[in-house]
C-alpha atoms as a PDB file:
ATOM      1  CA  MET A   1       0.029   0.229   0.063  1.00  0.00           C
ATOM      2  CA  LEU A   2       1.258   3.722  -0.875  1.00  0.00           C
ATOM      3  CA  THR A   3      -0.173   7.125   1.190  1.00  0.00           C
ATOM      4  CA  THR A   4      -0.199  10.394   0.100  1.00  0.00           C
ATOM      5  CA  ARG A   5      -1.774  13.406   0.939  1.00  0.00           C
ATOM      6  CA  VAL A   6      -2.998  15.688  -1.007  1.00  0.00           C
ATOM      7  CA  SER A   7      -4.144  19.837  -0.709  1.00  0.00           C
ATOM      8  CA  LEU A   8      -4.966  22.063  -3.179  1.00  0.00           C
ATOM      9  CA  PRO A   9      -4.783  25.643  -3.400  1.00  0.00           C
ATOM     10  CA  GLN A  10      -7.976  27.136  -2.522  1.00  0.00           C
ATOM     11  CA  GLU A  11      -7.180  30.158  -4.959  1.00  0.00           C
ATOM     12  CA  THR A  12      -7.322  26.946  -8.093  1.00  0.00           C
ATOM     13  CA  TYR A  13      -9.707  24.987  -6.262  1.00  0.00           C
ATOM     14  CA  ALA A  14     -12.436  27.472  -5.229  1.00  0.00           C
ATOM     15  CA  LYS A  15     -15.243  26.005  -6.729  1.00  0.00           C
ATOM     16  CA  PRO A  16     -16.754  22.383  -5.302  1.00  0.00           C
ATOM     17  CA  GLU A  17     -17.005  21.024  -8.996  1.00  0.00           C
ATOM     18  CA  GLN A  18     -13.029  21.647  -9.234  1.00  0.00           C
ATOM     19  CA  VAL A  19     -12.409  19.641  -6.472  1.00  0.00           C
ATOM     20  CA  ARG A  20     -14.743  16.524  -7.542  1.00  0.00           C
ATOM     21  CA  ALA A  21     -13.108  16.519 -10.823  1.00  0.00           C
ATOM     22  CA  PHE A  22      -9.611  16.553  -9.773  1.00  0.00           C
ATOM     23  CA  TYR A  23      -9.738  13.621  -7.359  1.00  0.00           C
ATOM     24  CA  ARG A  24     -12.436  12.089  -9.864  1.00  0.00           C
ATOM     25  CA  GLU A  25      -9.545  12.308 -12.547  1.00  0.00           C
ATOM     26  CA  ILE A  26      -6.696  11.565 -10.251  1.00  0.00           C
ATOM     27  CA  LEU A  27      -7.758   8.367  -9.029  1.00  0.00           C
ATOM     28  CA  ARG A  28      -9.030   7.343 -12.268  1.00  0.00           C
ATOM     29  CA  ARG A  29      -5.828   7.914 -13.350  1.00  0.00           C
ATOM     30  CA  ILE A  30      -4.419   5.773 -10.725  1.00  0.00           C
ATOM     31  CA  ASP A  31      -7.015   2.690 -11.302  1.00  0.00           C
ATOM     32  CA  HIS A  32      -5.110   2.581 -14.745  1.00  0.00           C
ATOM     33  CA  LEU A  33      -1.549   2.272 -13.575  1.00  0.00           C
ATOM     34  CA  PRO A  34      -0.037  -1.094 -13.711  1.00  0.00           C
ATOM     35  CA  GLY A  35      -0.413  -3.406 -10.452  1.00  0.00           C
ATOM     36  CA  VAL A  36      -2.999  -0.682  -9.041  1.00  0.00           C
ATOM     37  CA  GLU A  37      -5.618  -2.975  -7.496  1.00  0.00           C
ATOM     38  CA  THR A  38      -7.851  -0.108  -5.858  1.00  0.00           C
ATOM     39  CA  ALA A  39      -7.163   3.485  -4.724  1.00  0.00           C
ATOM     40  CA  GLY A  40      -9.264   5.980  -3.264  1.00  0.00           C
ATOM     41  CA  ALA A  41      -9.133   8.932  -1.006  1.00  0.00           C
ATOM     42  CA  THR A  42     -10.713  10.208   2.337  1.00  0.00           C
ATOM     43  CA  ALA A  43     -10.235  12.818   4.235  1.00  0.00           C
ATOM     44  CA  ALA A  44      -8.308  11.427   7.267  1.00  0.00           C
ATOM     45  CA  LEU A  45      -6.330   8.104   7.298  1.00  0.00           C
ATOM     46  CA  PRO A  46      -6.181   5.862  10.416  1.00  0.00           C
ATOM     47  CA  LEU A  47      -4.166   6.662  12.739  1.00  0.00           C
ATOM     48  CA  SER A  48      -3.224  10.126  11.182  1.00  0.00           C
ATOM     49  CA  GLY A  49      -4.738  12.201  14.244  1.00  0.00           C
ATOM     50  CA  LEU A  50      -6.197  14.042  11.295  1.00  0.00           C
ATOM     51  CA  GLY A  51      -9.796  14.538  10.592  1.00  0.00           C
ATOM     52  CA  GLY A  52     -12.938  16.627  11.843  1.00  0.00           C
ATOM     53  CA  SER A  53     -15.751  15.620  13.815  1.00  0.00           C
ATOM     54  CA  GLY A  54     -19.145  17.453  15.400  1.00  0.00           C
ATOM     55  CA  THR A  55     -21.997  16.535  16.578  1.00  0.00           C
ATOM     56  CA  THR A  56     -24.221  14.192  14.891  1.00  0.00           C
ATOM     57  CA  THR A  57     -28.189  13.555  15.058  1.00  0.00           C
ATOM     58  CA  ILE A  58     -29.550   9.999  14.488  1.00  0.00           C
ATOM     59  CA  ASP A  59     -33.062   8.994  13.929  1.00  0.00           C
ATOM     60  CA  THR A  60     -33.719   6.647  15.734  1.00  0.00           C
ATOM     61  CA  GLN A  61     -36.244   5.407  18.766  1.00  0.00           C
ATOM     62  CA  ALA A  62     -34.002   3.399  20.238  1.00  0.00           C
ATOM     63  CA  VAL A  63     -32.257   5.606  23.002  1.00  0.00           C
ATOM     64  CA  PRO A  64     -33.516   8.665  24.785  1.00  0.00           C
ATOM     65  CA  LEU A  65     -34.017  11.831  22.764  1.00  0.00           C
ATOM     66  CA  ASP A  66     -31.276  13.381  24.858  1.00  0.00           C
ATOM     67  CA  GLN A  67     -28.931  10.758  24.113  1.00  0.00           C
ATOM     68  CA  ARG A  68     -29.757  11.141  19.764  1.00  0.00           C
ATOM     69  CA  THR A  69     -26.926  13.591  19.172  1.00  0.00           C
ATOM     70  CA  PRO A  70     -23.325  12.385  19.640  1.00  0.00           C
ATOM     71  CA  GLU A  71     -20.052  13.849  18.829  1.00  0.00           C
ATOM     72  CA  ALA A  72     -18.892  11.438  15.619  1.00  0.00           C
ATOM     73  CA  ASP A  73     -16.092  11.776  13.357  1.00  0.00           C
ATOM     74  CA  TRP A  74     -17.049  12.670  10.069  1.00  0.00           C
ATOM     75  CA  ARG A  75     -14.758  11.785   7.121  1.00  0.00           C
ATOM     76  CA  PRO A  76     -15.484  12.052   3.669  1.00  0.00           C
ATOM     77  CA  VAL A  77     -14.150   9.423   1.086  1.00  0.00           C
ATOM     78  CA  THR A  78     -13.601   8.119  -2.480  1.00  0.00           C
ATOM     79  CA  PRO A  79     -15.010   5.167  -3.737  1.00  0.00           C
ATOM     80  CA  GLY A  80     -12.906   2.565  -3.601  1.00  0.00           C
ATOM     81  CA  TYR A  81     -11.204   4.112  -0.685  1.00  0.00           C
ATOM     82  CA  PHE A  82     -12.591   1.344   1.753  1.00  0.00           C
ATOM     83  CA  GLU A  83     -11.507  -1.685  -0.271  1.00  0.00           C
ATOM     84  CA  ALA A  84      -8.227   0.298  -0.525  1.00  0.00           C
ATOM     85  CA  ILE A  85      -7.817   0.420   3.192  1.00  0.00           C
ATOM     86  CA  GLY A  86      -8.949  -2.861   4.367  1.00  0.00           C
ATOM     87  CA  MET A  87     -12.119  -1.926   5.459  1.00  0.00           C
ATOM     88  CA  HIS A  88     -14.497  -4.461   5.411  1.00  0.00           C
ATOM     89  CA  VAL A  89     -18.180  -3.608   5.168  1.00  0.00           C
ATOM     90  CA  LEU A  90     -20.191  -5.432   7.187  1.00  0.00           C
ATOM     91  CA  ARG A  91     -23.526  -4.771   6.072  1.00  0.00           C
ATOM     92  CA  GLY A  92     -25.400  -3.132   2.834  1.00  0.00           C
ATOM     93  CA  ARG A  93     -22.815  -1.035   0.866  1.00  0.00           C
ATOM     94  CA  GLY A  94     -19.943   0.851   0.038  1.00  0.00           C
ATOM     95  CA  PHE A  95     -19.825   3.941  -2.119  1.00  0.00           C
ATOM     96  CA  LEU A  96     -20.060   4.027  -5.686  1.00  0.00           C
ATOM     97  CA  ASP A  97     -19.592   6.687  -8.389  1.00  0.00           C
ATOM     98  CA  SER A  98     -23.318   6.954  -8.514  1.00  0.00           C
ATOM     99  CA  ASP A  99     -23.252   8.482  -5.407  1.00  0.00           C
ATOM    100  CA  SER A 100     -22.695  12.513  -6.772  1.00  0.00           C
ATOM    101  CA  GLU A 101     -23.686  15.638  -6.162  1.00  0.00           C
ATOM    102  CA  THR A 102     -26.709  15.226  -8.220  1.00  0.00           C
ATOM    103  CA  SER A 103     -27.740  11.982  -6.248  1.00  0.00           C
ATOM    104  CA  ALA A 104     -29.204  11.112  -2.647  1.00  0.00           C
ATOM    105  CA  PRO A 105     -27.492  12.043   0.189  1.00  0.00           C
ATOM    106  CA  VAL A 106     -25.963   9.009   2.012  1.00  0.00           C
ATOM    107  CA  ALA A 107     -23.523   7.666   4.434  1.00  0.00           C
ATOM    108  CA  VAL A 108     -21.872   5.042   5.625  1.00  0.00           C
ATOM    109  CA  ILE A 109     -21.305   4.297   9.484  1.00  0.00           C
ATOM    110  CA  ASP A 110     -19.575   2.240  11.425  1.00  0.00           C
ATOM    111  CA  ASP A 111     -20.630  -0.702  13.922  1.00  0.00           C
ATOM    112  CA  THR A 112     -20.407   1.087  16.743  1.00  0.00           C
ATOM    113  CA  LEU A 113     -22.434   3.561  15.677  1.00  0.00           C
ATOM    114  CA  ALA A 114     -25.230   0.903  14.553  1.00  0.00           C
ATOM    115  CA  HIS A 115     -24.967  -1.263  17.780  1.00  0.00           C
ATOM    116  CA  SER A 116     -25.453   1.933  20.150  1.00  0.00           C
ATOM    117  CA  PHE A 117     -28.434   3.675  17.979  1.00  0.00           C
ATOM    118  CA  PHE A 118     -29.714   0.486  16.370  1.00  0.00           C
ATOM    119  CA  PRO A 119     -29.428  -2.618  18.726  1.00  0.00           C
ATOM    120  CA  ASN A 120     -32.122  -4.162  17.666  1.00  0.00           C
ATOM    121  CA  GLU A 121     -32.172  -3.260  14.272  1.00  0.00           C
ATOM    122  CA  ASP A 122     -30.530  -2.790  10.526  1.00  0.00           C
ATOM    123  CA  ALA A 123     -28.925   0.664  10.305  1.00  0.00           C
ATOM    124  CA  VAL A 124     -28.684   0.452   6.585  1.00  0.00           C
ATOM    125  CA  GLY A 125     -31.931   2.624   5.511  1.00  0.00           C
ATOM    126  CA  LYS A 126     -31.997   4.582   8.528  1.00  0.00           C
ATOM    127  CA  ARG A 127     -31.443   8.475   8.712  1.00  0.00           C
ATOM    128  CA  LEU A 128     -28.780  10.733  10.676  1.00  0.00           C
ATOM    129  CA  HIS A 129     -27.486  14.115  10.082  1.00  0.00           C
ATOM    130  CA  LEU A 130     -24.290  16.242  10.412  1.00  0.00           C
ATOM    131  CA  GLY A 131     -25.260  19.443  12.776  1.00  0.00           C
ATOM    132  CA  GLY A 132     -27.018  19.283  15.762  1.00  0.00           C
ATOM    133  CA  THR A 133     -30.966  18.994  15.865  1.00  0.00           C
ATOM    134  CA  GLY A 134     -31.372  22.539  14.818  1.00  0.00           C
ATOM    135  CA  SER A 135     -28.994  22.239  11.811  1.00  0.00           C
ATOM    136  CA  SER A 136     -30.414  22.093   8.287  1.00  0.00           C
ATOM    137  CA  SER A 137     -28.064  19.864   6.663  1.00  0.00           C
ATOM    138  CA  PRO A 138     -29.766  16.994   4.615  1.00  0.00           C
ATOM    139  CA  TRP A 139     -31.220  13.511   6.136  1.00  0.00           C
ATOM    140  CA  LEU A 140     -28.479  11.151   4.973  1.00  0.00           C
ATOM    141  CA  THR A 141     -29.672   7.962   4.061  1.00  0.00           C
ATOM    142  CA  ILE A 142     -27.332   4.840   5.633  1.00  0.00           C
ATOM    143  CA  VAL A 143     -26.428   2.343   2.934  1.00  0.00           C
ATOM    144  CA  GLY A 144     -23.784   0.794   4.530  1.00  0.00           C
ATOM    145  CA  VAL A 145     -21.723  -0.181   7.927  1.00  0.00           C
ATOM    146  CA  VAL A 146     -17.976  -0.624   8.106  1.00  0.00           C
ATOM    147  CA  ALA A 147     -15.711  -2.312  11.047  1.00  0.00           C
ATOM    148  CA  HIS A 148     -14.921   0.901  13.660  1.00  0.00           C
ATOM    149  CA  VAL A 149     -11.332   2.302  13.346  1.00  0.00           C
ATOM    150  CA  HIS A 150      -8.981   4.076  15.658  1.00  0.00           C
ATOM    151  CA  TYR A 151      -7.633   7.506  13.688  1.00  0.00           C
ATOM    152  CA  ARG A 152      -6.245   8.863  16.878  1.00  0.00           C
ATOM    153  CA  ALA A 153      -4.347   6.487  18.322  1.00  0.00           C
ATOM    154  CA  LEU A 154      -4.978   2.516  19.583  1.00  0.00           C
ATOM    155  CA  GLU A 155      -4.895   3.545  23.078  1.00  0.00           C
ATOM    156  CA  ALA A 156      -7.447   6.475  23.460  1.00  0.00           C
ATOM    157  CA  PRO A 157     -11.142   5.686  22.984  1.00  0.00           C
ATOM    158  CA  SER A 158     -12.337   6.877  19.898  1.00  0.00           C
ATOM    159  CA  ARG A 159     -15.518   8.343  18.773  1.00  0.00           C
ATOM    160  CA  VAL A 160     -18.445   6.789  16.253  1.00  0.00           C
ATOM    161  CA  GLN A 161     -17.972   7.370  13.025  1.00  0.00           C
ATOM    162  CA  VAL A 162     -20.004   8.703   9.816  1.00  0.00           C
ATOM    163  CA  TYR A 163     -18.173   8.715   6.353  1.00  0.00           C
ATOM    164  CA  TRP A 164     -20.172  10.442   3.173  1.00  0.00           C
ATOM    165  CA  PRO A 165     -19.158  10.483  -0.801  1.00  0.00           C
ATOM    166  CA  GLU A 166     -16.091  12.969  -1.365  1.00  0.00           C
ATOM    167  CA  ALA A 167     -18.639  13.911  -4.299  1.00  0.00           C
ATOM    168  CA  GLN A 168     -21.387  15.502  -2.595  1.00  0.00           C
ATOM    169  CA  ARG A 169     -19.327  17.620  -0.432  1.00  0.00           C
ATOM    170  CA  PRO A 170     -16.081  17.642  -1.206  1.00  0.00           C
ATOM    171  CA  TYR A 171     -12.950  19.030   0.677  1.00  0.00           C
ATOM    172  CA  ASN A 172      -9.466  20.552  -0.374  1.00  0.00           C
ATOM    173  CA  THR A 173      -7.430  18.178   1.028  1.00  0.00           C
ATOM    174  CA  MET A 174      -7.870  14.536   1.135  1.00  0.00           C
ATOM    175  CA  SER A 175      -5.450  11.795   1.784  1.00  0.00           C
ATOM    176  CA  LEU A 176      -5.051   8.891  -1.406  1.00  0.00           C
ATOM    177  CA  ALA A 177      -5.066   5.135  -0.588  1.00  0.00           C
ATOM    178  CA  VAL A 178      -3.518   2.733  -3.055  1.00  0.00           C
ATOM    179  CA  ARG A 179      -3.346  -0.930  -2.636  1.00  0.00           C
ATOM    180  CA  THR A 180      -1.778  -2.526  -5.682  1.00  0.00           C
ATOM    181  CA  SER A 181      -0.288  -6.351  -6.503  1.00  0.00           C
ATOM    182  CA  VAL A 182       3.675  -5.763  -6.583  1.00  0.00           C
ATOM    183  CA  ASN A 183       5.747  -3.163  -5.538  1.00  0.00           C
ATOM    184  CA  PRO A 184       3.801   0.622  -5.675  1.00  0.00           C
ATOM    185  CA  LEU A 185       6.865   2.676  -5.730  1.00  0.00           C
ATOM    186  CA  THR A 186       8.139   0.477  -8.929  1.00  0.00           C
ATOM    187  CA  THR A 187       4.248   0.741  -9.939  1.00  0.00           C
ATOM    188  CA  PHE A 188       4.220   4.483  -9.736  1.00  0.00           C
ATOM    189  CA  GLY A 189       7.746   4.990 -11.055  1.00  0.00           C
ATOM    190  CA  ARG A 190       6.674   2.886 -14.751  1.00  0.00           C
ATOM    191  CA  GLY A 191       2.808   4.813 -14.669  1.00  0.00           C
ATOM    192  CA  ALA A 192       4.958   8.268 -14.385  1.00  0.00           C
ATOM    193  CA  ALA A 193       7.244   7.697 -17.233  1.00  0.00           C
ATOM    194  CA  ALA A 194       4.172   6.569 -19.236  1.00  0.00           C
ATOM    195  CA  ASP A 195       2.148   9.617 -18.477  1.00  0.00           C
ATOM    196  CA  SER A 196       4.864  11.870 -18.917  1.00  0.00           C
ATOM    197  CA  GLY A 197       4.542  12.306 -22.776  1.00  0.00           C
ATOM    198  CA  ARG A 198       0.624  13.558 -22.097  1.00  0.00           C
END
């Protein structure tokens, strides 16, 4: 696996559509390099100590009303990210190219959130939104559940986690994760040479 962090300058990539187009194209090119099995991007890799969090409102009857707004880790990710990083989808599905800026807002959650807020039912098909109960953020339909991961440190308690498709809410700074069947440095050396004439 090879990872790298990319930060797009705000003055050049000021519009969401420019950010979407950049990450869509760079991942498309990476996917076509020899030896690449899968590639994706996220705002923060596990154990990086990076990433944002915030109050999240869960649409559930399983816990009291005053407990339905946990502090959650928030992560935009692209299609292919879960596969690249080795995170298995436990229920439902991961993100698809069709989860775009023009499609219905969706989310993937970790199994800790699923067990805590939907203990006796399937979380897939349920809803949540970013922000507190008074937030105007749109409701996101949960389409999948993945295993909980640690983003800050192995020994520290970690929050429940919410992921959304990067295309629906782009970030200028993302970390790429590329899984290859061969030495990734060799793969990218060949790819760079092949791309040099474009």
